[in-house]
Amino acid sequence: MTRMARSPRTPWERSNPRKRAGKATKHLTTAEKSAAKARAKRAGRHYPNMVDNMAIAAKKGTKSKTSGRKRAAKASGQRSPAKRSPARKSGNAARKPAARKTKPKEKDPRGGLTAAGRKAFAERDGAHLKPGVTKPMSQMTLQEMRRKGSWAVRFYGRDKLPPLVDADGQPTRHALSAHAWGEPVPRTVTAARRIAAKGERLLARYRRLKDRR
């Protein structure tokens, strides 16, 4: 009885199937070689052997080289570079969001109204407000003397003054009005009365100069 020869089972005992099929031999890419080295390292081997190379080659299949590089990077413990999504070129996507318009402040935090505040009063109430007079008395016109004198007496010459400081000791809007007219912000009744007295002098000077004309 003739004994049949045992067919080779180990890879190195078999012939290359690609050569039997008449196909060209494919070599591992650089990334796949790195993956084979990582597989051998996990198994405790210093260098990859045929089994490691075959395991990596078997994963290739019909997938693209890009997929092979991702698998190799994953096997070696490295992060694959994130794929950038193409930038949209549509008009709506490329258009930047419009900057939100902020409403201009109508009240000057230092006292009085801003130019936007005076404009808002003109649109709402038809008032023609002007900025406070901050010039020295020697440089004022007659109308500026009258305006500043009238303001000083009206604001700080009344019998009962509104509060000049709040609960935290900060000047109120009534006290801060002095800054818009070039005067020190009063914190006491005495300081407010000094501004009123200056206003009375301005009005008196205005009347004298007006009578001379």
N, C-alpha and C. Protein backbone atom coordinates (compact mmCIF):
# COMPACT_ATOMS: atom_id res chain seq x y z
N MET A 1 0.86 -1.20 0.00
CA MET A 1 0.00 0.00 0.00
C MET A 1 0.89 1.23 0.00
N THR A 2 0.61 2.08 -0.99
CA THR A 2 1.41 3.29 -1.13
C THR A 2 0.90 4.37 -0.17
N ARG A 3 1.84 4.96 0.57
CA ARG A 3 1.46 6.00 1.55
C ARG A 3 1.50 7.37 0.85
N MET A 4 0.38 8.16 0.98
CA MET A 4 0.28 9.48 0.35
C MET A 4 1.15 10.49 1.11
N ALA A 5 1.80 11.33 0.33
CA ALA A 5 2.65 12.36 0.95
C ALA A 5 1.80 13.42 1.63
N ARG A 6 2.27 13.88 2.79
CA ARG A 6 1.53 14.91 3.53
C ARG A 6 1.69 16.27 2.83
N SER A 7 0.54 16.95 2.65
CA SER A 7 0.59 18.28 2.00
C SER A 7 1.16 19.29 2.98
N PRO A 8 2.02 20.19 2.51
CA PRO A 8 2.61 21.20 3.41
C PRO A 8 1.53 22.11 3.99
N ARG A 9 1.61 22.36 5.28
CA ARG A 9 0.63 23.21 5.95
C ARG A 9 1.22 24.55 6.39
N THR A 10 2.49 24.56 6.73
CA THR A 10 3.09 25.82 7.18
C THR A 10 3.36 26.70 5.98
N PRO A 11 3.33 28.04 6.16
CA PRO A 11 3.49 28.96 5.02
C PRO A 11 4.79 28.75 4.29
N TRP A 12 5.89 28.51 5.04
CA TRP A 12 7.17 28.38 4.36
C TRP A 12 7.33 27.07 3.60
N GLU A 13 6.38 26.14 3.81
CA GLU A 13 6.41 24.88 3.07
C GLU A 13 5.56 24.94 1.80
N ARG A 14 4.76 26.00 1.66
CA ARG A 14 3.88 26.13 0.49
C ARG A 14 4.51 27.11 -0.50
N SER A 15 4.17 26.93 -1.75
CA SER A 15 4.66 27.86 -2.78
C SER A 15 3.80 29.11 -2.78
N ASN A 16 4.34 30.15 -3.35
CA ASN A 16 3.65 31.44 -3.39
C ASN A 16 2.40 31.32 -4.27
N PRO A 17 1.20 31.53 -3.71
CA PRO A 17 -0.02 31.38 -4.52
C PRO A 17 -0.10 32.39 -5.65
N ARG A 18 0.49 33.58 -5.47
CA ARG A 18 0.43 34.58 -6.54
C ARG A 18 1.26 34.14 -7.74
N LYS A 19 2.40 33.46 -7.45
CA LYS A 19 3.22 32.95 -8.55
C LYS A 19 2.50 31.84 -9.29
N ARG A 20 1.78 30.99 -8.53
CA ARG A 20 1.01 29.90 -9.19
C ARG A 20 -0.07 30.48 -10.08
N ALA A 21 -0.64 31.62 -9.65
CA ALA A 21 -1.70 32.24 -10.45
C ALA A 21 -1.16 33.16 -11.53
N GLY A 22 0.14 33.33 -11.58
CA GLY A 22 0.75 34.17 -12.62
C GLY A 22 0.63 35.65 -12.31
N LYS A 23 0.48 35.99 -11.05
CA LYS A 23 0.35 37.39 -10.66
C LYS A 23 1.67 37.88 -10.07
N ALA A 24 1.88 39.21 -10.17
CA ALA A 24 3.10 39.79 -9.62
C ALA A 24 3.02 39.84 -8.10
N THR A 25 4.17 39.67 -7.48
CA THR A 25 4.23 39.70 -6.03
C THR A 25 4.13 41.14 -5.52
N LYS A 26 3.28 41.39 -4.53
CA LYS A 26 3.11 42.72 -3.95
C LYS A 26 3.90 42.80 -2.64
N HIS A 27 4.55 43.91 -2.45
CA HIS A 27 5.32 44.13 -1.23
C HIS A 27 4.54 45.02 -0.26
N LEU A 28 4.86 44.89 1.00
CA LEU A 28 4.21 45.71 2.02
C LEU A 28 4.65 47.17 1.90
N THR A 29 3.73 48.06 2.18
CA THR A 29 4.07 49.48 2.20
C THR A 29 4.84 49.80 3.47
N THR A 30 5.36 51.01 3.53
CA THR A 30 6.11 51.43 4.72
C THR A 30 5.23 51.40 5.96
N ALA A 31 3.98 51.84 5.80
CA ALA A 31 3.07 51.84 6.95
C ALA A 31 2.73 50.42 7.39
N GLU A 32 2.58 49.50 6.40
CA GLU A 32 2.26 48.12 6.74
C GLU A 32 3.45 47.41 7.40
N LYS A 33 4.66 47.80 6.97
CA LYS A 33 5.84 47.25 7.64
C LYS A 33 5.89 47.69 9.10
N SER A 34 5.51 48.95 9.36
CA SER A 34 5.48 49.44 10.74
C SER A 34 4.45 48.68 11.55
N ALA A 35 3.29 48.37 10.90
CA ALA A 35 2.26 47.61 11.60
C ALA A 35 2.74 46.19 11.91
N ALA A 36 3.51 45.59 10.99
CA ALA A 36 4.04 44.25 11.22
C ALA A 36 5.04 44.25 12.37
N LYS A 37 5.86 45.30 12.42
CA LYS A 37 6.81 45.42 13.53
C LYS A 37 6.07 45.58 14.87
N ALA A 38 5.00 46.36 14.85
CA ALA A 38 4.23 46.54 16.08
C ALA A 38 3.57 45.23 16.51
N ARG A 39 3.10 44.44 15.53
CA ARG A 39 2.49 43.14 15.86
C ARG A 39 3.52 42.19 16.47
N ALA A 40 4.74 42.21 15.91
CA ALA A 40 5.79 41.35 16.46
C ALA A 40 6.19 41.78 17.86
N LYS A 41 6.22 43.11 18.07
CA LYS A 41 6.59 43.61 19.40
C LYS A 41 5.58 43.20 20.45
N ARG A 42 4.29 43.23 20.10
CA ARG A 42 3.26 42.81 21.05
C ARG A 42 3.39 41.33 21.38
N ALA A 43 3.90 40.54 20.43
CA ALA A 43 4.07 39.10 20.65
C ALA A 43 5.39 38.77 21.33
N GLY A 44 6.21 39.78 21.60
CA GLY A 44 7.49 39.55 22.28
C GLY A 44 8.63 39.26 21.36
N ARG A 45 8.48 39.56 20.06
CA ARG A 45 9.54 39.32 19.10
C ARG A 45 10.21 40.64 18.73
N HIS A 46 11.50 40.59 18.52
CA HIS A 46 12.22 41.81 18.19
C HIS A 46 11.98 42.23 16.75
N TYR A 47 11.80 41.27 15.86
CA TYR A 47 11.59 41.56 14.46
C TYR A 47 10.36 40.78 13.97
N PRO A 48 9.64 41.32 12.98
CA PRO A 48 8.49 40.60 12.44
C PRO A 48 8.95 39.39 11.62
N ASN A 49 8.19 38.33 11.73
CA ASN A 49 8.49 37.14 10.93
C ASN A 49 7.49 37.03 9.78
N MET A 50 7.51 35.92 9.11
CA MET A 50 6.62 35.73 7.97
C MET A 50 5.15 35.78 8.37
N VAL A 51 4.86 35.22 9.54
CA VAL A 51 3.47 35.21 10.00
C VAL A 51 2.96 36.64 10.21
N ASP A 52 3.80 37.50 10.79
CA ASP A 52 3.40 38.89 10.99
C ASP A 52 3.16 39.59 9.66
N ASN A 53 4.07 39.36 8.71
CA ASN A 53 3.89 40.00 7.40
C ASN A 53 2.64 39.49 6.69
N MET A 54 2.38 38.18 6.81
CA MET A 54 1.19 37.62 6.16
C MET A 54 -0.09 38.13 6.80
N ALA A 55 -0.06 38.31 8.13
CA ALA A 55 -1.26 38.81 8.81
C ALA A 55 -1.60 40.22 8.36
N ILE A 56 -0.57 41.04 8.19
CA ILE A 56 -0.81 42.41 7.74
C ILE A 56 -1.24 42.42 6.28
N ALA A 57 -0.61 41.57 5.44
CA ALA A 57 -0.97 41.53 4.03
C ALA A 57 -2.39 41.03 3.85
N ALA A 58 -2.84 40.10 4.72
CA ALA A 58 -4.19 39.56 4.59
C ALA A 58 -5.24 40.61 4.87
N LYS A 59 -4.89 41.62 5.66
CA LYS A 59 -5.87 42.68 5.99
C LYS A 59 -6.05 43.66 4.86
N LYS A 60 -5.17 43.63 3.88
CA LYS A 60 -5.26 44.60 2.80
C LYS A 60 -6.53 44.40 1.99
N GLY A 61 -6.76 43.16 1.55
CA GLY A 61 -7.95 42.85 0.76
C GLY A 61 -8.02 43.73 -0.47
N THR A 62 -9.18 44.32 -0.67
CA THR A 62 -9.39 45.18 -1.83
C THR A 62 -9.48 46.64 -1.42
N LYS A 63 -9.12 46.95 -0.15
CA LYS A 63 -9.23 48.32 0.33
C LYS A 63 -8.08 49.16 -0.21
N SER A 64 -8.23 50.44 -0.17
CA SER A 64 -7.23 51.35 -0.69
C SER A 64 -6.04 51.44 0.22
N LYS A 65 -4.95 52.04 -0.29
CA LYS A 65 -3.75 52.21 0.51
C LYS A 65 -3.98 53.13 1.69
N THR A 66 -4.92 54.03 1.53
CA THR A 66 -5.23 54.93 2.66
C THR A 66 -5.77 54.16 3.83
N SER A 67 -6.68 53.19 3.55
CA SER A 67 -7.20 52.37 4.62
C SER A 67 -6.09 51.54 5.24
N GLY A 68 -5.15 51.05 4.41
CA GLY A 68 -4.03 50.27 4.94
C GLY A 68 -3.18 51.11 5.87
N ARG A 69 -2.94 52.38 5.53
CA ARG A 69 -2.15 53.23 6.40
C ARG A 69 -2.87 53.49 7.70
N LYS A 70 -4.19 53.62 7.65
CA LYS A 70 -4.93 53.82 8.90
C LYS A 70 -4.85 52.61 9.80
N ARG A 71 -4.95 51.39 9.18
CA ARG A 71 -4.85 50.18 9.99
C ARG A 71 -3.46 50.03 10.58
N ALA A 72 -2.45 50.38 9.77
CA ALA A 72 -1.08 50.27 10.26
C ALA A 72 -0.83 51.24 11.41
N ALA A 73 -1.36 52.46 11.27
CA ALA A 73 -1.19 53.42 12.35
C ALA A 73 -1.91 52.97 13.60
N LYS A 74 -3.10 52.38 13.42
CA LYS A 74 -3.85 51.88 14.57
C LYS A 74 -3.12 50.72 15.24
N ALA A 75 -2.53 49.83 14.41
CA ALA A 75 -1.82 48.68 14.98
C ALA A 75 -0.57 49.12 15.71
N SER A 76 0.07 50.21 15.25
CA SER A 76 1.30 50.68 15.90
C SER A 76 1.02 51.60 17.06
N GLY A 77 -0.26 51.88 17.33
CA GLY A 77 -0.62 52.73 18.47
C GLY A 77 -0.56 54.21 18.15
N GLN A 78 -0.41 54.58 16.87
CA GLN A 78 -0.35 55.98 16.49
C GLN A 78 -1.72 56.44 16.03
N ARG A 79 -1.96 57.75 16.24
CA ARG A 79 -3.23 58.33 15.79
C ARG A 79 -3.13 58.70 14.32
N SER A 80 -4.12 58.32 13.58
CA SER A 80 -4.13 58.67 12.17
C SER A 80 -4.55 60.12 12.02
N PRO A 81 -3.98 60.82 11.05
CA PRO A 81 -4.34 62.24 10.88
C PRO A 81 -5.81 62.39 10.52
N ALA A 82 -6.43 63.38 11.14
CA ALA A 82 -7.86 63.60 10.90
C ALA A 82 -8.07 64.10 9.49
N LYS A 83 -9.10 63.58 8.87
CA LYS A 83 -9.42 63.98 7.51
C LYS A 83 -10.12 65.32 7.53
N ARG A 84 -9.60 66.23 6.76
CA ARG A 84 -10.20 67.57 6.72
C ARG A 84 -11.35 67.58 5.74
N SER A 85 -12.45 68.11 6.20
CA SER A 85 -13.59 68.22 5.32
C SER A 85 -13.39 69.39 4.38
N PRO A 86 -13.73 69.24 3.12
CA PRO A 86 -13.52 70.35 2.17
C PRO A 86 -14.35 71.56 2.56
N ALA A 87 -13.75 72.73 2.37
CA ALA A 87 -14.44 73.96 2.75
C ALA A 87 -15.60 74.20 1.80
N ARG A 88 -16.71 74.60 2.38
CA ARG A 88 -17.87 74.88 1.56
C ARG A 88 -17.69 76.21 0.86
N LYS A 89 -18.06 76.22 -0.40
CA LYS A 89 -17.90 77.43 -1.19
C LYS A 89 -19.22 78.11 -1.50
N SER A 90 -20.29 77.63 -0.85
CA SER A 90 -21.57 78.26 -1.12
C SER A 90 -21.58 79.65 -0.53
N GLY A 91 -22.39 80.51 -1.08
CA GLY A 91 -22.44 81.90 -0.63
C GLY A 91 -22.83 82.05 0.82
N ASN A 92 -23.82 81.29 1.27
CA ASN A 92 -24.30 81.42 2.64
C ASN A 92 -23.27 80.94 3.63
N ALA A 93 -22.53 79.82 3.28
CA ALA A 93 -21.56 79.28 4.22
C ALA A 93 -20.32 80.15 4.27
N ALA A 94 -19.91 80.70 3.14
CA ALA A 94 -18.69 81.50 3.11
C ALA A 94 -18.89 82.88 3.71
N ARG A 95 -20.13 83.31 3.77
CA ARG A 95 -20.42 84.64 4.29
C ARG A 95 -20.27 84.67 5.80
N LYS A 96 -19.50 85.60 6.31
CA LYS A 96 -19.29 85.71 7.75
C LYS A 96 -20.55 86.28 8.41
N PRO A 97 -20.82 85.84 9.65
CA PRO A 97 -21.99 86.40 10.34
C PRO A 97 -21.81 87.89 10.57
N ALA A 98 -22.87 88.61 10.36
CA ALA A 98 -22.82 90.06 10.53
C ALA A 98 -22.60 90.43 11.99
N ALA A 99 -21.75 91.40 12.20
CA ALA A 99 -21.47 91.84 13.57
C ALA A 99 -22.71 92.48 14.17
N ARG A 100 -22.98 92.13 15.41
CA ARG A 100 -24.16 92.67 16.08
C ARG A 100 -23.93 94.13 16.43
N LYS A 101 -24.84 94.98 16.00
CA LYS A 101 -24.71 96.40 16.27
C LYS A 101 -25.09 96.70 17.71
N THR A 102 -24.24 97.45 18.37
CA THR A 102 -24.52 97.84 19.75
C THR A 102 -25.10 99.24 19.76
N LYS A 103 -26.09 99.43 20.59
CA LYS A 103 -26.74 100.73 20.68
C LYS A 103 -25.80 101.70 21.37
N PRO A 104 -25.56 102.87 20.77
CA PRO A 104 -24.66 103.84 21.41
C PRO A 104 -25.23 104.32 22.74
N LYS A 105 -24.33 104.59 23.67
CA LYS A 105 -24.77 105.06 24.98
C LYS A 105 -25.29 106.48 24.89
N GLU A 106 -26.43 106.72 25.53
CA GLU A 106 -27.02 108.06 25.52
C GLU A 106 -26.54 108.88 26.71
N LYS A 107 -26.15 108.20 27.80
CA LYS A 107 -25.68 108.91 28.98
C LYS A 107 -24.17 108.74 29.11
N ASP A 108 -23.50 109.85 29.30
CA ASP A 108 -22.07 109.81 29.54
C ASP A 108 -21.83 109.31 30.97
N PRO A 109 -21.05 108.26 31.17
CA PRO A 109 -20.83 107.77 32.53
C PRO A 109 -20.16 108.79 33.44
N ARG A 110 -19.50 109.80 32.85
CA ARG A 110 -18.87 110.84 33.68
C ARG A 110 -19.85 111.95 34.03
N GLY A 111 -21.00 111.97 33.37
CA GLY A 111 -22.00 112.98 33.64
C GLY A 111 -22.55 113.59 32.37
N GLY A 112 -23.84 113.91 32.38
CA GLY A 112 -24.46 114.54 31.22
C GLY A 112 -24.81 113.52 30.14
N LEU A 113 -25.12 114.05 28.94
CA LEU A 113 -25.50 113.22 27.81
C LEU A 113 -24.38 113.17 26.78
N THR A 114 -24.37 112.08 26.03
CA THR A 114 -23.46 111.97 24.90
C THR A 114 -24.10 112.62 23.67
N ALA A 115 -23.34 112.70 22.58
CA ALA A 115 -23.91 113.24 21.34
C ALA A 115 -25.08 112.39 20.88
N ALA A 116 -24.97 111.05 21.07
CA ALA A 116 -26.08 110.16 20.70
C ALA A 116 -27.29 110.41 21.59
N GLY A 117 -27.07 110.73 22.85
CA GLY A 117 -28.17 111.03 23.77
C GLY A 117 -28.90 112.30 23.38
N ARG A 118 -28.15 113.33 23.02
CA ARG A 118 -28.79 114.58 22.59
C ARG A 118 -29.57 114.39 21.30
N LYS A 119 -29.02 113.55 20.41
CA LYS A 119 -29.73 113.26 19.16
C LYS A 119 -31.02 112.49 19.44
N ALA A 120 -30.97 111.55 20.38
CA ALA A 120 -32.16 110.77 20.72
C ALA A 120 -33.25 111.66 21.31
N PHE A 121 -32.88 112.61 22.17
CA PHE A 121 -33.87 113.54 22.73
C PHE A 121 -34.49 114.40 21.64
N ALA A 122 -33.67 114.80 20.66
CA ALA A 122 -34.19 115.61 19.57
C ALA A 122 -35.19 114.83 18.74
N GLU A 123 -34.93 113.53 18.52
CA GLU A 123 -35.85 112.72 17.73
C GLU A 123 -37.12 112.40 18.49
N ARG A 124 -37.01 112.16 19.80
CA ARG A 124 -38.19 111.79 20.59
C ARG A 124 -39.05 113.00 20.99
N ASP A 125 -38.38 114.03 21.50
CA ASP A 125 -39.12 115.16 22.08
C ASP A 125 -38.98 116.46 21.30
N GLY A 126 -38.15 116.46 20.27
CA GLY A 126 -37.94 117.69 19.52
C GLY A 126 -37.07 118.69 20.26
N ALA A 127 -36.38 118.25 21.32
CA ALA A 127 -35.54 119.15 22.11
C ALA A 127 -34.22 119.38 21.40
N HIS A 128 -33.72 120.61 21.49
CA HIS A 128 -32.45 120.97 20.86
C HIS A 128 -31.41 121.18 21.97
N LEU A 129 -30.94 120.09 22.51
CA LEU A 129 -29.98 120.15 23.61
C LEU A 129 -28.57 120.38 23.06
N LYS A 130 -27.79 121.12 23.82
CA LYS A 130 -26.42 121.42 23.44
C LYS A 130 -25.48 120.93 24.54
N PRO A 131 -24.24 120.66 24.19
CA PRO A 131 -23.30 120.24 25.24
C PRO A 131 -23.06 121.37 26.23
N GLY A 132 -22.67 120.99 27.46
CA GLY A 132 -22.43 121.99 28.49
C GLY A 132 -21.26 122.90 28.17
N VAL A 133 -21.30 124.10 28.73
CA VAL A 133 -20.24 125.09 28.50
C VAL A 133 -19.12 124.84 29.51
N THR A 134 -17.93 124.59 29.01
CA THR A 134 -16.79 124.30 29.88
C THR A 134 -15.69 125.37 29.75
N LYS A 135 -15.94 126.42 29.01
CA LYS A 135 -14.93 127.47 28.82
C LYS A 135 -14.75 128.30 30.09
N PRO A 136 -13.60 128.94 30.23
CA PRO A 136 -13.45 129.93 31.31
C PRO A 136 -14.38 131.12 31.07
N MET A 137 -14.71 131.83 32.12
CA MET A 137 -15.66 132.94 31.99
C MET A 137 -15.16 134.00 31.00
N SER A 138 -13.85 134.21 30.95
CA SER A 138 -13.30 135.26 30.07
C SER A 138 -13.48 134.93 28.59
N GLN A 139 -13.70 133.65 28.28
CA GLN A 139 -13.83 133.23 26.87
C GLN A 139 -15.28 132.96 26.46
N MET A 140 -16.22 133.13 27.38
CA MET A 140 -17.62 132.83 27.08
C MET A 140 -18.28 133.97 26.32
N THR A 141 -19.19 133.58 25.44
CA THR A 141 -20.05 134.56 24.80
C THR A 141 -21.20 134.89 25.76
N LEU A 142 -21.99 135.87 25.41
CA LEU A 142 -23.13 136.24 26.26
C LEU A 142 -24.11 135.07 26.40
N GLN A 143 -24.37 134.40 25.31
CA GLN A 143 -25.31 133.29 25.35
C GLN A 143 -24.77 132.14 26.20
N GLU A 144 -23.46 131.91 26.13
CA GLU A 144 -22.86 130.84 26.95
C GLU A 144 -22.90 131.19 28.43
N MET A 145 -22.70 132.49 28.76
CA MET A 145 -22.84 132.90 30.16
C MET A 145 -24.26 132.67 30.65
N ARG A 146 -25.21 133.03 29.84
CA ARG A 146 -26.61 132.85 30.23
C ARG A 146 -26.94 131.39 30.41
N ARG A 147 -26.48 130.54 29.47
CA ARG A 147 -26.78 129.11 29.54
C ARG A 147 -26.17 128.47 30.78
N LYS A 148 -24.88 128.71 31.02
CA LYS A 148 -24.24 128.07 32.17
C LYS A 148 -24.76 128.63 33.48
N GLY A 149 -25.00 129.94 33.54
CA GLY A 149 -25.54 130.52 34.77
C GLY A 149 -26.92 129.97 35.09
N SER A 150 -27.75 129.84 34.04
CA SER A 150 -29.10 129.31 34.24
C SER A 150 -29.05 127.86 34.70
N TRP A 151 -28.16 127.09 34.10
CA TRP A 151 -28.03 125.68 34.53
C TRP A 151 -27.58 125.57 35.98
N ALA A 152 -26.55 126.32 36.37
CA ALA A 152 -26.00 126.22 37.72
C ALA A 152 -27.05 126.58 38.77
N VAL A 153 -27.81 127.65 38.53
CA VAL A 153 -28.83 128.06 39.51
C VAL A 153 -29.98 127.06 39.53
N ARG A 154 -30.35 126.57 38.36
CA ARG A 154 -31.48 125.63 38.27
C ARG A 154 -31.15 124.30 38.94
N PHE A 155 -29.91 123.82 38.79
CA PHE A 155 -29.53 122.51 39.31
C PHE A 155 -29.16 122.55 40.79
N TYR A 156 -28.37 123.54 41.19
CA TYR A 156 -27.82 123.52 42.54
C TYR A 156 -28.24 124.71 43.40
N GLY A 157 -29.16 125.52 42.88
CA GLY A 157 -29.64 126.66 43.67
C GLY A 157 -31.05 126.47 44.20
N ARG A 158 -31.66 125.37 43.93
CA ARG A 158 -33.02 125.10 44.42
C ARG A 158 -33.02 124.92 45.93
N ASP A 159 -34.20 125.11 46.52
CA ASP A 159 -34.29 125.05 47.98
C ASP A 159 -33.92 123.67 48.52
N LYS A 160 -34.48 122.64 47.92
CA LYS A 160 -34.20 121.27 48.37
C LYS A 160 -33.47 120.54 47.26
N LEU A 161 -32.23 120.17 47.53
CA LEU A 161 -31.42 119.49 46.51
C LEU A 161 -31.72 117.99 46.48
N PRO A 162 -31.70 117.39 45.30
CA PRO A 162 -31.77 115.92 45.22
C PRO A 162 -30.50 115.32 45.83
N PRO A 163 -30.51 114.02 46.13
CA PRO A 163 -29.30 113.39 46.68
C PRO A 163 -28.11 113.58 45.75
N LEU A 164 -26.97 113.87 46.36
CA LEU A 164 -25.75 114.06 45.59
C LEU A 164 -24.89 112.80 45.56
N VAL A 165 -25.09 111.88 46.53
CA VAL A 165 -24.38 110.60 46.56
C VAL A 165 -25.39 109.50 46.83
N ASP A 166 -25.08 108.27 46.36
CA ASP A 166 -25.98 107.16 46.58
C ASP A 166 -25.62 106.41 47.84
N ALA A 167 -26.23 105.24 48.04
CA ALA A 167 -25.99 104.46 49.26
C ALA A 167 -24.55 103.98 49.36
N ASP A 168 -23.86 103.85 48.23
CA ASP A 168 -22.47 103.40 48.23
C ASP A 168 -21.48 104.56 48.30
N GLY A 169 -22.00 105.76 48.42
CA GLY A 169 -21.12 106.92 48.48
C GLY A 169 -20.64 107.42 47.14
N GLN A 170 -21.25 106.94 46.05
CA GLN A 170 -20.88 107.36 44.71
C GLN A 170 -21.77 108.51 44.24
N PRO A 171 -21.24 109.43 43.42
CA PRO A 171 -22.06 110.57 42.96
C PRO A 171 -23.26 110.11 42.15
N THR A 172 -24.38 110.77 42.34
CA THR A 172 -25.59 110.48 41.56
C THR A 172 -25.49 111.18 40.21
N ARG A 173 -26.45 110.87 39.33
CA ARG A 173 -26.47 111.52 38.03
C ARG A 173 -26.66 113.03 38.17
N HIS A 174 -27.39 113.45 39.18
CA HIS A 174 -27.60 114.89 39.41
C HIS A 174 -26.26 115.58 39.73
N ALA A 175 -25.45 114.93 40.55
CA ALA A 175 -24.15 115.51 40.90
C ALA A 175 -23.19 115.44 39.72
N LEU A 176 -23.25 114.37 38.95
CA LEU A 176 -22.34 114.20 37.82
C LEU A 176 -22.60 115.19 36.70
N SER A 177 -23.75 115.84 36.71
CA SER A 177 -24.03 116.84 35.68
C SER A 177 -23.01 117.97 35.71
N ALA A 178 -22.42 118.22 36.87
CA ALA A 178 -21.43 119.29 36.98
C ALA A 178 -20.23 119.02 36.09
N HIS A 179 -19.87 117.76 35.92
CA HIS A 179 -18.72 117.42 35.08
C HIS A 179 -18.95 117.83 33.64
N ALA A 180 -20.18 117.66 33.15
CA ALA A 180 -20.48 118.01 31.77
C ALA A 180 -20.39 119.52 31.54
N TRP A 181 -20.41 120.32 32.62
CA TRP A 181 -20.31 121.77 32.51
C TRP A 181 -18.97 122.30 33.00
N GLY A 182 -18.01 121.39 33.14
CA GLY A 182 -16.67 121.82 33.51
C GLY A 182 -16.50 122.21 34.96
N GLU A 183 -17.37 121.72 35.83
CA GLU A 183 -17.30 122.05 37.25
C GLU A 183 -16.97 120.79 38.05
N PRO A 184 -16.34 120.92 39.22
CA PRO A 184 -16.09 119.75 40.06
C PRO A 184 -17.39 119.12 40.54
N VAL A 185 -17.42 117.80 40.56
CA VAL A 185 -18.64 117.08 40.95
C VAL A 185 -18.87 117.29 42.44
N PRO A 186 -20.00 117.87 42.84
CA PRO A 186 -20.25 118.12 44.26
C PRO A 186 -20.70 116.86 44.99
N ARG A 187 -20.20 116.68 46.19
CA ARG A 187 -20.64 115.57 47.04
C ARG A 187 -21.36 116.08 48.28
N THR A 188 -21.28 117.35 48.53
CA THR A 188 -21.94 117.94 49.69
C THR A 188 -22.81 119.10 49.23
N VAL A 189 -23.73 119.51 50.09
CA VAL A 189 -24.61 120.63 49.78
C VAL A 189 -23.79 121.91 49.64
N THR A 190 -22.77 122.07 50.46
CA THR A 190 -21.93 123.27 50.41
C THR A 190 -21.26 123.40 49.05
N ALA A 191 -20.72 122.27 48.53
CA ALA A 191 -20.07 122.30 47.21
C ALA A 191 -21.08 122.62 46.12
N ALA A 192 -22.30 122.10 46.25
CA ALA A 192 -23.33 122.39 45.25
C ALA A 192 -23.73 123.86 45.28
N ARG A 193 -23.78 124.44 46.47
CA ARG A 193 -24.15 125.85 46.58
C ARG A 193 -23.08 126.76 45.98
N ARG A 194 -21.82 126.33 46.03
CA ARG A 194 -20.77 127.14 45.41
C ARG A 194 -20.97 127.23 43.90
N ILE A 195 -21.39 126.12 43.30
CA ILE A 195 -21.65 126.13 41.86
C ILE A 195 -22.83 127.04 41.56
N ALA A 196 -23.86 127.00 42.40
CA ALA A 196 -25.03 127.87 42.20
C ALA A 196 -24.63 129.34 42.31
N ALA A 197 -23.75 129.66 43.27
CA ALA A 197 -23.31 131.05 43.43
C ALA A 197 -22.52 131.51 42.20
N LYS A 198 -21.72 130.63 41.63
CA LYS A 198 -20.99 130.97 40.42
C LYS A 198 -21.97 131.23 39.28
N GLY A 199 -23.04 130.45 39.24
CA GLY A 199 -24.05 130.67 38.22
C GLY A 199 -24.72 132.02 38.36
N GLU A 200 -24.97 132.44 39.58
CA GLU A 200 -25.58 133.76 39.80
C GLU A 200 -24.65 134.87 39.34
N ARG A 201 -23.35 134.70 39.55
CA ARG A 201 -22.39 135.70 39.08
C ARG A 201 -22.35 135.76 37.55
N LEU A 202 -22.45 134.59 36.94
CA LEU A 202 -22.48 134.57 35.47
C LEU A 202 -23.71 135.28 34.92
N LEU A 203 -24.84 135.06 35.53
CA LEU A 203 -26.07 135.72 35.07
C LEU A 203 -25.99 137.23 35.27
N ALA A 204 -25.40 137.63 36.39
CA ALA A 204 -25.26 139.08 36.64
C ALA A 204 -24.34 139.70 35.60
N ARG A 205 -23.23 139.01 35.29
CA ARG A 205 -22.30 139.52 34.29
C ARG A 205 -22.96 139.55 32.92
N TYR A 206 -23.76 138.56 32.63
CA TYR A 206 -24.48 138.52 31.36
C TYR A 206 -25.41 139.72 31.23
N ARG A 207 -26.14 140.07 32.30
CA ARG A 207 -27.07 141.19 32.24
C ARG A 207 -26.34 142.52 32.09
N ARG A 208 -25.20 142.67 32.77
CA ARG A 208 -24.45 143.93 32.66
C ARG A 208 -23.93 144.14 31.24
N LEU A 209 -23.34 143.07 30.69
CA LEU A 209 -22.80 143.20 29.34
C LEU A 209 -23.89 143.38 28.32
N LYS A 210 -25.02 142.77 28.54
CA LYS A 210 -26.13 142.90 27.58
C LYS A 210 -26.67 144.32 27.60
N ASP A 211 -26.72 144.97 28.78
CA ASP A 211 -27.27 146.33 28.88
C ASP A 211 -26.33 147.36 28.22
N ARG A 212 -25.04 147.03 28.13
CA ARG A 212 -24.10 147.96 27.53
C ARG A 212 -24.23 148.03 26.01
N ARG A 213 -24.83 146.99 25.46
CA ARG A 213 -24.96 146.96 24.00
C ARG A 213 -26.16 147.76 23.53
